[in-house]
Every structure is written in C-alpha cells, then in structure tokens.
Amino acid sequence: MHIHVSGKQIALSDALKHRVNAHLGGLAERYFDKALEANVTFSKARSFFTCDINVHAGRGLTLRGEGEAADANAAFDDAAEHIAKRLRRYHRRVTTHARTSKADVTQETGRSYVLQSAPPATKARQDRQDHGADHEAQAEAETYAAIIAEHTTDIPSLSVSEAVMRLDLAACSILLFRNRKNQQINLVYRRDDGNIGWVDTGPS
C-alpha cells in the first residue's frame, strides 16, 4: 500500500509517519487483497491538530476520514477510526468490490465545473459605471456564472444501495450516478437531518 503522509506548514516526526503507515497498512491487509493508495494530511488550526485521510480503495471507491485533537497522534486516531467504522459497516460489500473492481467497467465520464461564488465588488462597480443600472443585473448574472475551474468526473452505474454506500464511505454530501435498474441519472445526497435523500429521474 502506497501511503503519502504530509503536513501543511507543520513538521512531522518519523515516529508519526511510521505509525500512520503501520496502522493504515493493517487496515488494508484486513479488508483488501491488493495494495492501495492513501493520502494523509496533517494541519493545525489554533490549538488543535487536524488529520484528513483519503484512501483509494478500488475503481470508483474512495474512503475518507477526518479527525481533530490536541495532538497529531490523537487526530490521526480519530480520522482512522471514522474510516474503520465505515469499513466495518460495509465489510462484505467493500471486500467484494475491491476484488471485482477491474471487471466493473460500466462507467461514464462527465464534466464538473467550479463557478465563481460571488461577483467581485470592483467588477460590479465597474459594470455599473460602464453600462448603467439597467445592465447591472445582467452583468452580475454573467459574473456568477463565470467558470473558474473544469474537471472530468466519473458517473458510475450503481444500484441505489451501492450509491449510498459510496456516499457514506467517501464522507461526501452528494453523489451523481446512473441507476442500474432503470438506466436513468440519479442523485443521492446527505440531508440536514442526517438522513439520505434520493432523486430518481426515471418514470414513476
């Protein structure tokens, strides 16, 4: 298992790096047959250390854990336990996925964009000066829609339960997928109340 350990503006001891490698290596041996990739990043916010773990566990399968504590070792323990809990929850299905991921090639590629969240104040003022108040709304709408980054993204073909599993393992808030049952684009997302929402675009 290839594990990359880094710190954001903090120095990491060799003992901590060894501990991270040993612990994550043990998890990999327990749940997966082949070597995987993991990125572990430590940082410090005020008086607390934070740890972010991202594990690539097979085609389209990502595990994520975040931890926070008064020292780096405890922050790693917190993040690693989050991953371990998710792995225990989906033990059989994750193991099966890892062993068959090479054969699972039913996947599409789409594009994702990052849009500018708000118009810069100077740009909005310049629009008002150059075009007048009548064009202010149009100028701001165009500014909001400005694309500042573009990425490719995979759209996997999954059952709803598989999509929920991937959403939970990756600790993300939203997952777009093609429903294997009706071949329609679907969406699962984490609601504010902690439950999972599901949007099915197929015929009712």
N, C-alpha and C. Protein backbone atom coordinates (compact mmCIF):
# COMPACT_ATOMS: atom_id res chain seq x y z
N MET A 1 0.85 -1.19 0.00
CA MET A 1 0.00 0.00 0.00
C MET A 1 0.88 1.25 0.00
N HIS A 2 0.68 2.12 -0.96
CA HIS A 2 1.45 3.36 -1.03
C HIS A 2 0.75 4.42 -0.20
N ILE A 3 1.43 4.91 0.82
CA ILE A 3 0.85 5.89 1.74
C ILE A 3 1.72 7.14 1.72
N HIS A 4 1.10 8.26 1.40
CA HIS A 4 1.81 9.55 1.39
C HIS A 4 1.35 10.37 2.59
N VAL A 5 2.29 10.70 3.47
CA VAL A 5 1.98 11.45 4.69
C VAL A 5 2.63 12.83 4.57
N SER A 6 1.85 13.87 4.77
CA SER A 6 2.38 15.23 4.64
C SER A 6 1.77 16.14 5.69
N GLY A 7 2.42 17.27 5.91
CA GLY A 7 1.92 18.27 6.85
C GLY A 7 1.83 19.62 6.19
N LYS A 8 0.79 20.35 6.49
CA LYS A 8 0.62 21.71 5.99
C LYS A 8 1.23 22.70 6.98
N GLN A 9 2.42 23.16 6.65
CA GLN A 9 3.14 24.13 7.47
C GLN A 9 3.44 23.61 8.87
N ILE A 10 3.53 22.28 9.00
CA ILE A 10 3.96 21.70 10.27
C ILE A 10 4.92 20.55 9.95
N ALA A 11 5.87 20.34 10.85
CA ALA A 11 6.84 19.26 10.69
C ALA A 11 6.29 18.00 11.33
N LEU A 12 6.49 16.86 10.66
CA LEU A 12 6.00 15.58 11.17
C LEU A 12 7.19 14.70 11.55
N SER A 13 7.09 14.05 12.69
CA SER A 13 8.17 13.19 13.15
C SER A 13 8.17 11.88 12.38
N ASP A 14 9.33 11.23 12.33
CA ASP A 14 9.42 9.92 11.69
C ASP A 14 8.56 8.89 12.42
N ALA A 15 8.46 9.03 13.74
CA ALA A 15 7.65 8.10 14.52
C ALA A 15 6.18 8.19 14.13
N LEU A 16 5.68 9.40 13.90
CA LEU A 16 4.28 9.57 13.49
C LEU A 16 4.06 8.97 12.10
N LYS A 17 4.99 9.23 11.18
CA LYS A 17 4.85 8.68 9.82
C LYS A 17 4.85 7.15 9.85
N HIS A 18 5.73 6.57 10.68
CA HIS A 18 5.78 5.11 10.81
C HIS A 18 4.46 4.58 11.37
N ARG A 19 3.91 5.27 12.35
CA ARG A 19 2.65 4.84 12.97
C ARG A 19 1.51 4.88 11.97
N VAL A 20 1.45 5.94 11.17
CA VAL A 20 0.41 6.07 10.14
C VAL A 20 0.51 4.93 9.13
N ASN A 21 1.73 4.66 8.66
CA ASN A 21 1.94 3.59 7.69
C ASN A 21 1.55 2.23 8.25
N ALA A 22 1.93 1.96 9.48
CA ALA A 22 1.63 0.66 10.09
C ALA A 22 0.13 0.48 10.29
N HIS A 23 -0.54 1.52 10.76
CA HIS A 23 -1.97 1.41 11.05
C HIS A 23 -2.79 1.25 9.77
N LEU A 24 -2.54 2.10 8.78
CA LEU A 24 -3.30 2.01 7.53
C LEU A 24 -2.93 0.75 6.76
N GLY A 25 -1.68 0.34 6.86
CA GLY A 25 -1.28 -0.91 6.22
C GLY A 25 -2.03 -2.10 6.80
N GLY A 26 -2.26 -2.07 8.11
CA GLY A 26 -3.03 -3.13 8.76
C GLY A 26 -4.48 -3.16 8.29
N LEU A 27 -5.08 -1.97 8.14
CA LEU A 27 -6.45 -1.91 7.64
C LEU A 27 -6.54 -2.47 6.22
N ALA A 28 -5.55 -2.14 5.40
CA ALA A 28 -5.55 -2.62 4.01
C ALA A 28 -5.44 -4.13 3.96
N GLU A 29 -4.57 -4.70 4.77
CA GLU A 29 -4.41 -6.15 4.78
C GLU A 29 -5.67 -6.85 5.25
N ARG A 30 -6.41 -6.19 6.14
CA ARG A 30 -7.60 -6.82 6.69
C ARG A 30 -8.77 -6.81 5.71
N TYR A 31 -8.90 -5.72 4.95
CA TYR A 31 -10.08 -5.57 4.11
C TYR A 31 -9.83 -5.73 2.61
N PHE A 32 -8.58 -5.63 2.17
CA PHE A 32 -8.31 -5.63 0.74
C PHE A 32 -7.17 -6.59 0.42
N ASP A 33 -7.22 -7.13 -0.80
CA ASP A 33 -6.21 -8.09 -1.22
C ASP A 33 -4.96 -7.42 -1.79
N LYS A 34 -5.14 -6.27 -2.43
CA LYS A 34 -4.04 -5.66 -3.16
C LYS A 34 -3.69 -4.29 -2.58
N ALA A 35 -2.51 -3.82 -2.96
CA ALA A 35 -2.04 -2.53 -2.46
C ALA A 35 -2.93 -1.40 -2.96
N LEU A 36 -3.14 -0.42 -2.12
CA LEU A 36 -3.97 0.73 -2.45
C LEU A 36 -3.16 2.00 -2.25
N GLU A 37 -3.77 3.12 -2.49
CA GLU A 37 -3.13 4.41 -2.27
C GLU A 37 -3.85 5.18 -1.18
N ALA A 38 -3.10 5.88 -0.38
CA ALA A 38 -3.69 6.71 0.68
C ALA A 38 -2.90 7.99 0.82
N ASN A 39 -3.62 9.08 1.04
CA ASN A 39 -3.00 10.38 1.32
C ASN A 39 -3.46 10.83 2.70
N VAL A 40 -2.50 11.11 3.56
CA VAL A 40 -2.79 11.54 4.93
C VAL A 40 -2.18 12.92 5.12
N THR A 41 -3.01 13.89 5.45
CA THR A 41 -2.54 15.27 5.58
C THR A 41 -2.84 15.79 6.99
N PHE A 42 -1.81 16.31 7.64
CA PHE A 42 -1.95 16.92 8.96
C PHE A 42 -1.85 18.44 8.82
N SER A 43 -2.62 19.12 9.64
CA SER A 43 -2.52 20.58 9.71
C SER A 43 -2.88 21.01 11.13
N LYS A 44 -2.70 22.29 11.40
CA LYS A 44 -3.00 22.80 12.73
C LYS A 44 -3.87 24.04 12.62
N ALA A 45 -4.98 24.02 13.36
CA ALA A 45 -5.90 25.16 13.40
C ALA A 45 -6.03 25.60 14.85
N ARG A 46 -5.54 26.78 15.13
CA ARG A 46 -5.50 27.30 16.50
C ARG A 46 -4.72 26.32 17.39
N SER A 47 -5.33 25.78 18.42
CA SER A 47 -4.60 24.89 19.32
C SER A 47 -4.85 23.42 19.00
N PHE A 48 -5.57 23.12 17.90
CA PHE A 48 -5.92 21.75 17.57
C PHE A 48 -5.19 21.29 16.31
N PHE A 49 -4.86 20.01 16.30
CA PHE A 49 -4.33 19.37 15.10
C PHE A 49 -5.49 18.71 14.36
N THR A 50 -5.44 18.74 13.04
CA THR A 50 -6.44 18.07 12.22
C THR A 50 -5.74 17.04 11.32
N CYS A 51 -6.45 15.99 11.00
CA CYS A 51 -5.93 14.94 10.13
C CYS A 51 -6.99 14.57 9.11
N ASP A 52 -6.60 14.54 7.86
CA ASP A 52 -7.52 14.19 6.77
C ASP A 52 -6.93 12.98 6.04
N ILE A 53 -7.69 11.89 5.98
CA ILE A 53 -7.25 10.65 5.33
C ILE A 53 -8.13 10.38 4.12
N ASN A 54 -7.51 10.19 2.97
CA ASN A 54 -8.22 9.81 1.75
C ASN A 54 -7.58 8.53 1.21
N VAL A 55 -8.38 7.47 1.11
CA VAL A 55 -7.90 6.17 0.66
C VAL A 55 -8.58 5.81 -0.65
N HIS A 56 -7.78 5.50 -1.67
CA HIS A 56 -8.32 5.00 -2.93
C HIS A 56 -8.36 3.48 -2.82
N ALA A 57 -9.57 2.93 -2.73
CA ALA A 57 -9.73 1.50 -2.42
C ALA A 57 -10.24 0.68 -3.59
N GLY A 58 -10.04 1.14 -4.80
CA GLY A 58 -10.53 0.40 -5.96
C GLY A 58 -11.21 1.35 -6.91
N ARG A 59 -11.59 0.84 -8.06
CA ARG A 59 -12.20 1.66 -9.10
C ARG A 59 -13.45 2.36 -8.58
N GLY A 60 -13.41 3.69 -8.51
CA GLY A 60 -14.57 4.46 -8.09
C GLY A 60 -14.87 4.42 -6.62
N LEU A 61 -14.02 3.78 -5.82
CA LEU A 61 -14.30 3.64 -4.40
C LEU A 61 -13.28 4.41 -3.58
N THR A 62 -13.74 5.45 -2.87
CA THR A 62 -12.88 6.29 -2.06
C THR A 62 -13.39 6.30 -0.63
N LEU A 63 -12.47 6.20 0.32
CA LEU A 63 -12.80 6.28 1.74
C LEU A 63 -12.17 7.53 2.31
N ARG A 64 -12.93 8.21 3.17
CA ARG A 64 -12.41 9.44 3.75
C ARG A 64 -12.70 9.50 5.24
N GLY A 65 -11.72 9.99 5.99
CA GLY A 65 -11.91 10.18 7.42
C GLY A 65 -11.25 11.46 7.87
N GLU A 66 -11.88 12.18 8.78
CA GLU A 66 -11.34 13.42 9.32
C GLU A 66 -11.28 13.33 10.83
N GLY A 67 -10.20 13.87 11.39
CA GLY A 67 -10.06 13.85 12.84
C GLY A 67 -9.50 15.15 13.36
N GLU A 68 -9.79 15.44 14.63
CA GLU A 68 -9.30 16.66 15.27
C GLU A 68 -9.02 16.34 16.73
N ALA A 69 -7.86 16.79 17.21
CA ALA A 69 -7.49 16.53 18.61
C ALA A 69 -6.38 17.49 19.02
N ALA A 70 -6.01 17.41 20.29
CA ALA A 70 -4.99 18.31 20.83
C ALA A 70 -3.59 17.97 20.34
N ASP A 71 -3.37 16.73 19.86
CA ASP A 71 -2.06 16.37 19.31
C ASP A 71 -2.26 15.58 18.03
N ALA A 72 -1.20 15.48 17.22
CA ALA A 72 -1.30 14.87 15.90
C ALA A 72 -1.65 13.39 15.96
N ASN A 73 -1.10 12.67 16.93
CA ASN A 73 -1.38 11.24 17.04
C ASN A 73 -2.85 10.98 17.32
N ALA A 74 -3.42 11.75 18.22
CA ALA A 74 -4.84 11.57 18.55
C ALA A 74 -5.73 11.98 17.38
N ALA A 75 -5.32 13.01 16.63
CA ALA A 75 -6.10 13.43 15.46
C ALA A 75 -6.11 12.32 14.42
N PHE A 76 -4.96 11.66 14.22
CA PHE A 76 -4.91 10.53 13.29
C PHE A 76 -5.80 9.39 13.77
N ASP A 77 -5.74 9.07 15.08
CA ASP A 77 -6.58 8.01 15.62
C ASP A 77 -8.06 8.28 15.35
N ASP A 78 -8.47 9.54 15.52
CA ASP A 78 -9.86 9.93 15.30
C ASP A 78 -10.25 9.73 13.84
N ALA A 79 -9.40 10.18 12.92
CA ALA A 79 -9.70 10.04 11.50
C ALA A 79 -9.70 8.58 11.07
N ALA A 80 -8.73 7.80 11.56
CA ALA A 80 -8.64 6.39 11.20
C ALA A 80 -9.83 5.61 11.73
N GLU A 81 -10.34 5.98 12.90
CA GLU A 81 -11.50 5.29 13.46
C GLU A 81 -12.75 5.55 12.64
N HIS A 82 -12.87 6.75 12.08
CA HIS A 82 -14.00 7.04 11.20
C HIS A 82 -13.98 6.12 9.99
N ILE A 83 -12.80 5.92 9.41
CA ILE A 83 -12.68 5.02 8.27
C ILE A 83 -12.96 3.58 8.68
N ALA A 84 -12.43 3.16 9.83
CA ALA A 84 -12.63 1.79 10.30
C ALA A 84 -14.11 1.50 10.55
N LYS A 85 -14.84 2.46 11.10
CA LYS A 85 -16.26 2.26 11.35
C LYS A 85 -17.01 2.06 10.05
N ARG A 86 -16.67 2.86 9.03
CA ARG A 86 -17.34 2.71 7.73
C ARG A 86 -16.99 1.38 7.08
N LEU A 87 -15.74 0.96 7.23
CA LEU A 87 -15.34 -0.32 6.67
C LEU A 87 -16.06 -1.48 7.36
N ARG A 88 -16.19 -1.40 8.67
CA ARG A 88 -16.91 -2.46 9.39
C ARG A 88 -18.37 -2.52 8.96
N ARG A 89 -18.96 -1.35 8.69
CA ARG A 89 -20.36 -1.29 8.29
C ARG A 89 -20.59 -1.97 6.94
N TYR A 90 -19.62 -1.81 6.04
CA TYR A 90 -19.79 -2.34 4.68
C TYR A 90 -18.75 -3.41 4.37
N HIS A 91 -18.30 -4.13 5.39
CA HIS A 91 -17.19 -5.07 5.24
C HIS A 91 -17.34 -5.99 4.04
N ARG A 92 -18.40 -6.74 3.97
CA ARG A 92 -18.57 -7.73 2.90
C ARG A 92 -18.64 -7.07 1.54
N ARG A 93 -19.41 -6.00 1.43
CA ARG A 93 -19.60 -5.36 0.12
C ARG A 93 -18.34 -4.66 -0.36
N VAL A 94 -17.61 -4.03 0.57
CA VAL A 94 -16.37 -3.35 0.18
C VAL A 94 -15.33 -4.37 -0.28
N THR A 95 -15.21 -5.49 0.44
CA THR A 95 -14.25 -6.52 0.07
C THR A 95 -14.57 -7.10 -1.30
N THR A 96 -15.85 -7.35 -1.55
CA THR A 96 -16.27 -7.87 -2.86
C THR A 96 -15.96 -6.87 -3.96
N HIS A 97 -16.24 -5.59 -3.70
CA HIS A 97 -15.97 -4.56 -4.70
C HIS A 97 -14.49 -4.48 -5.03
N ALA A 98 -13.64 -4.52 -4.03
CA ALA A 98 -12.21 -4.41 -4.25
C ALA A 98 -11.69 -5.57 -5.09
N ARG A 99 -12.27 -6.75 -4.91
CA ARG A 99 -11.81 -7.93 -5.64
C ARG A 99 -12.32 -7.96 -7.08
N THR A 100 -13.42 -7.28 -7.34
CA THR A 100 -14.01 -7.33 -8.68
C THR A 100 -13.97 -5.99 -9.39
N SER A 101 -13.26 -5.00 -8.84
CA SER A 101 -13.31 -3.64 -9.39
C SER A 101 -12.77 -3.57 -10.80
N LYS A 102 -11.79 -4.42 -11.17
CA LYS A 102 -11.24 -4.38 -12.51
C LYS A 102 -12.28 -4.79 -13.54
N ALA A 103 -13.19 -5.67 -13.15
CA ALA A 103 -14.21 -6.11 -14.09
C ALA A 103 -15.38 -5.13 -14.16
N ASP A 104 -15.46 -4.23 -13.20
CA ASP A 104 -16.56 -3.26 -13.15
C ASP A 104 -16.17 -2.04 -13.98
N VAL A 105 -16.49 -2.09 -15.28
CA VAL A 105 -16.08 -1.01 -16.17
C VAL A 105 -17.26 -0.20 -16.66
N THR A 106 -18.44 -0.45 -16.11
CA THR A 106 -19.64 0.29 -16.53
C THR A 106 -19.60 1.67 -15.89
N GLN A 107 -19.06 2.61 -16.61
CA GLN A 107 -18.86 3.94 -16.05
C GLN A 107 -18.77 4.96 -17.17
N GLU A 108 -19.35 6.12 -16.93
CA GLU A 108 -19.31 7.20 -17.91
C GLU A 108 -18.44 8.33 -17.36
N THR A 109 -18.03 9.20 -18.27
CA THR A 109 -17.25 10.36 -17.86
C THR A 109 -18.02 11.62 -18.20
N GLY A 110 -18.11 12.51 -17.24
CA GLY A 110 -18.77 13.80 -17.45
C GLY A 110 -17.83 14.93 -17.09
N ARG A 111 -18.34 16.14 -17.10
CA ARG A 111 -17.54 17.31 -16.74
C ARG A 111 -18.17 18.00 -15.55
N SER A 112 -17.33 18.44 -14.64
CA SER A 112 -17.79 19.22 -13.49
C SER A 112 -17.11 20.58 -13.54
N TYR A 113 -17.81 21.60 -13.09
CA TYR A 113 -17.30 22.96 -13.15
C TYR A 113 -17.38 23.61 -11.78
N VAL A 114 -16.46 24.51 -11.52
CA VAL A 114 -16.50 25.35 -10.33
C VAL A 114 -16.88 26.75 -10.80
N LEU A 115 -17.99 27.26 -10.28
CA LEU A 115 -18.48 28.58 -10.66
C LEU A 115 -18.10 29.61 -9.61
N GLN A 116 -17.84 30.81 -10.06
CA GLN A 116 -17.49 31.88 -9.13
C GLN A 116 -18.67 32.12 -8.19
N SER A 117 -18.38 32.15 -6.89
CA SER A 117 -19.46 32.19 -5.90
C SER A 117 -20.11 33.56 -5.78
N ALA A 118 -19.38 34.63 -6.05
CA ALA A 118 -19.96 35.97 -5.91
C ALA A 118 -19.18 36.93 -6.80
N PRO A 119 -19.84 37.96 -7.33
CA PRO A 119 -19.13 38.92 -8.18
C PRO A 119 -18.21 39.79 -7.35
N PRO A 120 -16.97 40.00 -7.78
CA PRO A 120 -16.09 40.91 -7.05
C PRO A 120 -16.68 42.31 -6.98
N ALA A 121 -16.49 42.98 -5.85
CA ALA A 121 -17.09 44.31 -5.66
C ALA A 121 -16.60 45.29 -6.71
N THR A 122 -15.30 45.23 -7.03
CA THR A 122 -14.77 46.18 -8.01
C THR A 122 -15.36 45.94 -9.39
N LYS A 123 -15.58 44.66 -9.72
CA LYS A 123 -16.16 44.35 -11.03
C LYS A 123 -17.60 44.84 -11.11
N ALA A 124 -18.35 44.67 -10.03
CA ALA A 124 -19.75 45.12 -10.02
C ALA A 124 -19.82 46.64 -10.15
N ARG A 125 -18.90 47.35 -9.45
CA ARG A 125 -18.91 48.81 -9.55
C ARG A 125 -18.56 49.26 -10.96
N GLN A 126 -17.59 48.58 -11.58
CA GLN A 126 -17.19 48.95 -12.94
C GLN A 126 -18.34 48.71 -13.92
N ASP A 127 -19.09 47.62 -13.71
CA ASP A 127 -20.24 47.33 -14.57
C ASP A 127 -21.27 48.45 -14.48
N ARG A 128 -21.50 48.94 -13.26
CA ARG A 128 -22.49 50.00 -13.09
C ARG A 128 -22.03 51.28 -13.78
N GLN A 129 -20.72 51.57 -13.69
CA GLN A 129 -20.20 52.78 -14.32
C GLN A 129 -20.23 52.69 -15.84
N ASP A 130 -19.86 51.54 -16.36
CA ASP A 130 -19.73 51.38 -17.81
C ASP A 130 -21.07 51.17 -18.51
N HIS A 131 -22.00 50.49 -17.86
CA HIS A 131 -23.22 50.08 -18.55
C HIS A 131 -24.50 50.68 -17.96
N GLY A 132 -24.40 51.26 -16.78
CA GLY A 132 -25.58 51.83 -16.17
C GLY A 132 -26.36 50.82 -15.36
N ALA A 133 -27.30 51.31 -14.56
CA ALA A 133 -28.07 50.45 -13.65
C ALA A 133 -28.91 49.43 -14.39
N ASP A 134 -29.35 49.73 -15.61
CA ASP A 134 -30.23 48.82 -16.34
C ASP A 134 -29.53 47.51 -16.67
N HIS A 135 -28.20 47.55 -16.75
CA HIS A 135 -27.45 46.35 -17.12
C HIS A 135 -26.79 45.68 -15.92
N GLU A 136 -27.05 46.20 -14.74
CA GLU A 136 -26.38 45.67 -13.54
C GLU A 136 -26.76 44.21 -13.29
N ALA A 137 -28.04 43.89 -13.36
CA ALA A 137 -28.49 42.52 -13.08
C ALA A 137 -27.88 41.54 -14.07
N GLN A 138 -27.84 41.92 -15.34
CA GLN A 138 -27.28 41.03 -16.35
C GLN A 138 -25.78 40.83 -16.11
N ALA A 139 -25.08 41.89 -15.78
CA ALA A 139 -23.64 41.78 -15.53
C ALA A 139 -23.35 40.88 -14.35
N GLU A 140 -24.14 41.03 -13.27
CA GLU A 140 -23.92 40.20 -12.09
C GLU A 140 -24.24 38.75 -12.39
N ALA A 141 -25.29 38.48 -13.17
CA ALA A 141 -25.65 37.11 -13.51
C ALA A 141 -24.53 36.45 -14.30
N GLU A 142 -23.94 37.20 -15.23
CA GLU A 142 -22.85 36.65 -16.01
C GLU A 142 -21.63 36.39 -15.14
N THR A 143 -21.39 37.27 -14.16
CA THR A 143 -20.25 37.09 -13.27
C THR A 143 -20.44 35.87 -12.39
N TYR A 144 -21.66 35.67 -11.88
CA TYR A 144 -21.93 34.50 -11.06
C TYR A 144 -21.69 33.22 -11.85
N ALA A 145 -21.97 33.23 -13.14
CA ALA A 145 -21.86 32.03 -13.95
C ALA A 145 -20.46 31.82 -14.51
N ALA A 146 -19.50 32.64 -14.13
CA ALA A 146 -18.15 32.51 -14.66
C ALA A 146 -17.54 31.19 -14.19
N ILE A 147 -17.00 30.42 -15.14
CA ILE A 147 -16.37 29.15 -14.82
C ILE A 147 -14.91 29.41 -14.48
N ILE A 148 -14.50 29.02 -13.28
CA ILE A 148 -13.13 29.26 -12.86
C ILE A 148 -12.32 27.97 -12.78
N ALA A 149 -12.98 26.81 -12.93
CA ALA A 149 -12.26 25.53 -12.97
C ALA A 149 -13.13 24.48 -13.64
N GLU A 150 -12.50 23.56 -14.34
CA GLU A 150 -13.21 22.48 -15.02
C GLU A 150 -12.47 21.17 -14.76
N HIS A 151 -13.23 20.12 -14.46
CA HIS A 151 -12.64 18.81 -14.17
C HIS A 151 -13.46 17.74 -14.87
N THR A 152 -12.84 16.60 -15.08
CA THR A 152 -13.59 15.43 -15.52
C THR A 152 -14.08 14.69 -14.28
N THR A 153 -15.22 14.04 -14.38
CA THR A 153 -15.77 13.30 -13.25
C THR A 153 -16.40 12.02 -13.75
N ASP A 154 -16.26 10.96 -12.98
CA ASP A 154 -16.83 9.67 -13.35
C ASP A 154 -18.28 9.59 -12.89
N ILE A 155 -19.14 9.03 -13.75
CA ILE A 155 -20.54 8.78 -13.41
C ILE A 155 -20.72 7.27 -13.41
N PRO A 156 -20.65 6.61 -12.26
CA PRO A 156 -20.70 5.16 -12.22
C PRO A 156 -22.13 4.63 -12.40
N SER A 157 -22.23 3.40 -12.84
CA SER A 157 -23.51 2.71 -12.92
C SER A 157 -23.65 1.87 -11.65
N LEU A 158 -24.63 2.22 -10.80
CA LEU A 158 -24.76 1.60 -9.48
C LEU A 158 -26.21 1.33 -9.14
N SER A 159 -26.41 0.44 -8.19
CA SER A 159 -27.72 0.35 -7.54
C SER A 159 -27.81 1.47 -6.52
N VAL A 160 -29.01 1.75 -6.02
CA VAL A 160 -29.18 2.83 -5.04
C VAL A 160 -28.40 2.51 -3.76
N SER A 161 -28.44 1.26 -3.33
CA SER A 161 -27.73 0.89 -2.09
C SER A 161 -26.23 1.05 -2.26
N GLU A 162 -25.70 0.73 -3.44
CA GLU A 162 -24.27 0.92 -3.70
C GLU A 162 -23.91 2.41 -3.69
N ALA A 163 -24.79 3.22 -4.25
CA ALA A 163 -24.55 4.67 -4.27
C ALA A 163 -24.52 5.23 -2.85
N VAL A 164 -25.44 4.77 -2.00
CA VAL A 164 -25.47 5.24 -0.61
C VAL A 164 -24.20 4.80 0.11
N MET A 165 -23.74 3.58 -0.16
CA MET A 165 -22.51 3.09 0.45
C MET A 165 -21.33 3.97 0.07
N ARG A 166 -21.21 4.31 -1.22
CA ARG A 166 -20.08 5.14 -1.67
C ARG A 166 -20.17 6.55 -1.08
N LEU A 167 -21.38 7.07 -0.98
CA LEU A 167 -21.57 8.39 -0.38
C LEU A 167 -21.06 8.40 1.05
N ASP A 168 -21.41 7.35 1.79
CA ASP A 168 -21.03 7.26 3.20
C ASP A 168 -19.54 7.02 3.36
N LEU A 169 -18.97 6.12 2.56
CA LEU A 169 -17.54 5.82 2.67
C LEU A 169 -16.68 7.03 2.36
N ALA A 170 -17.10 7.81 1.36
CA ALA A 170 -16.33 8.98 0.97
C ALA A 170 -16.62 10.20 1.83
N ALA A 171 -17.60 10.07 2.75
CA ALA A 171 -17.98 11.18 3.63
C ALA A 171 -18.27 12.44 2.82
N CYS A 172 -18.94 12.27 1.69
CA CYS A 172 -19.27 13.42 0.85
C CYS A 172 -20.76 13.74 0.99
N SER A 173 -21.18 14.85 0.46
CA SER A 173 -22.55 15.31 0.65
C SER A 173 -23.46 14.97 -0.52
N ILE A 174 -22.88 14.61 -1.69
CA ILE A 174 -23.71 14.37 -2.88
C ILE A 174 -23.00 13.39 -3.80
N LEU A 175 -23.77 12.53 -4.50
CA LEU A 175 -23.21 11.59 -5.45
C LEU A 175 -24.16 11.43 -6.63
N LEU A 176 -23.63 11.67 -7.83
CA LEU A 176 -24.39 11.51 -9.07
C LEU A 176 -24.05 10.14 -9.66
N PHE A 177 -25.06 9.39 -10.11
CA PHE A 177 -24.81 8.06 -10.66
C PHE A 177 -25.92 7.68 -11.64
N ARG A 178 -25.65 6.66 -12.46
CA ARG A 178 -26.69 6.12 -13.33
C ARG A 178 -27.29 4.90 -12.64
N ASN A 179 -28.60 4.95 -12.44
CA ASN A 179 -29.30 3.87 -11.75
C ASN A 179 -29.27 2.61 -12.62
N ARG A 180 -28.66 1.58 -12.10
CA ARG A 180 -28.51 0.35 -12.86
C ARG A 180 -29.86 -0.30 -13.19
N LYS A 181 -30.88 0.01 -12.38
CA LYS A 181 -32.18 -0.61 -12.58
C LYS A 181 -32.94 -0.01 -13.76
N ASN A 182 -32.95 1.34 -13.87
CA ASN A 182 -33.73 1.98 -14.94
C ASN A 182 -32.88 2.78 -15.92
N GLN A 183 -31.54 2.77 -15.72
CA GLN A 183 -30.59 3.44 -16.61
C GLN A 183 -30.76 4.96 -16.66
N GLN A 184 -31.37 5.52 -15.64
CA GLN A 184 -31.56 6.97 -15.57
C GLN A 184 -30.53 7.59 -14.61
N ILE A 185 -30.21 8.86 -14.86
CA ILE A 185 -29.32 9.58 -13.95
C ILE A 185 -30.05 9.84 -12.64
N ASN A 186 -29.42 9.46 -11.54
CA ASN A 186 -29.99 9.62 -10.20
C ASN A 186 -29.01 10.38 -9.32
N LEU A 187 -29.50 10.76 -8.14
CA LEU A 187 -28.71 11.55 -7.21
C LEU A 187 -29.03 11.10 -5.79
N VAL A 188 -28.00 10.86 -4.99
CA VAL A 188 -28.20 10.67 -3.55
C VAL A 188 -27.43 11.77 -2.84
N TYR A 189 -27.97 12.25 -1.72
CA TYR A 189 -27.35 13.36 -1.01
C TYR A 189 -27.65 13.26 0.47
N ARG A 190 -26.79 13.90 1.26
CA ARG A 190 -26.97 13.88 2.71
C ARG A 190 -27.82 15.07 3.14
N ARG A 191 -28.93 14.80 3.78
CA ARG A 191 -29.85 15.84 4.22
C ARG A 191 -29.35 16.50 5.51
N ASP A 192 -29.91 17.67 5.80
CA ASP A 192 -29.53 18.39 7.02
C ASP A 192 -29.89 17.61 8.28
N ASP A 193 -30.91 16.73 8.19
CA ASP A 193 -31.32 15.95 9.37
C ASP A 193 -30.50 14.68 9.53
N GLY A 194 -29.50 14.48 8.65
CA GLY A 194 -28.63 13.31 8.76
C GLY A 194 -29.05 12.14 7.92
N ASN A 195 -30.29 12.15 7.41
CA ASN A 195 -30.76 11.07 6.56
C ASN A 195 -30.25 11.26 5.13
N ILE A 196 -30.46 10.25 4.29
CA ILE A 196 -30.02 10.29 2.90
C ILE A 196 -31.22 10.56 1.99
N GLY A 197 -31.09 11.56 1.12
CA GLY A 197 -32.12 11.83 0.13
C GLY A 197 -31.76 11.16 -1.18
N TRP A 198 -32.79 10.83 -1.97
CA TRP A 198 -32.58 10.14 -3.24
C TRP A 198 -33.48 10.79 -4.30
N VAL A 199 -32.87 11.25 -5.40
CA VAL A 199 -33.61 11.84 -6.51
C VAL A 199 -33.54 10.88 -7.68
N ASP A 200 -34.70 10.37 -8.10
CA ASP A 200 -34.78 9.42 -9.22
C ASP A 200 -35.46 10.12 -10.39
N THR A 201 -34.76 10.24 -11.50
CA THR A 201 -35.33 10.90 -12.68
C THR A 201 -36.08 9.95 -13.60
N GLY A 202 -36.14 8.67 -13.23
CA GLY A 202 -36.85 7.69 -14.05
C GLY A 202 -38.35 7.85 -13.96
N PRO A 203 -39.09 7.20 -14.87
CA PRO A 203 -40.56 7.30 -14.85
C PRO A 203 -41.14 6.73 -13.56
N SER A 204 -42.18 7.39 -13.07
CA SER A 204 -42.79 6.94 -11.81
C SER A 204 -43.77 5.81 -12.06
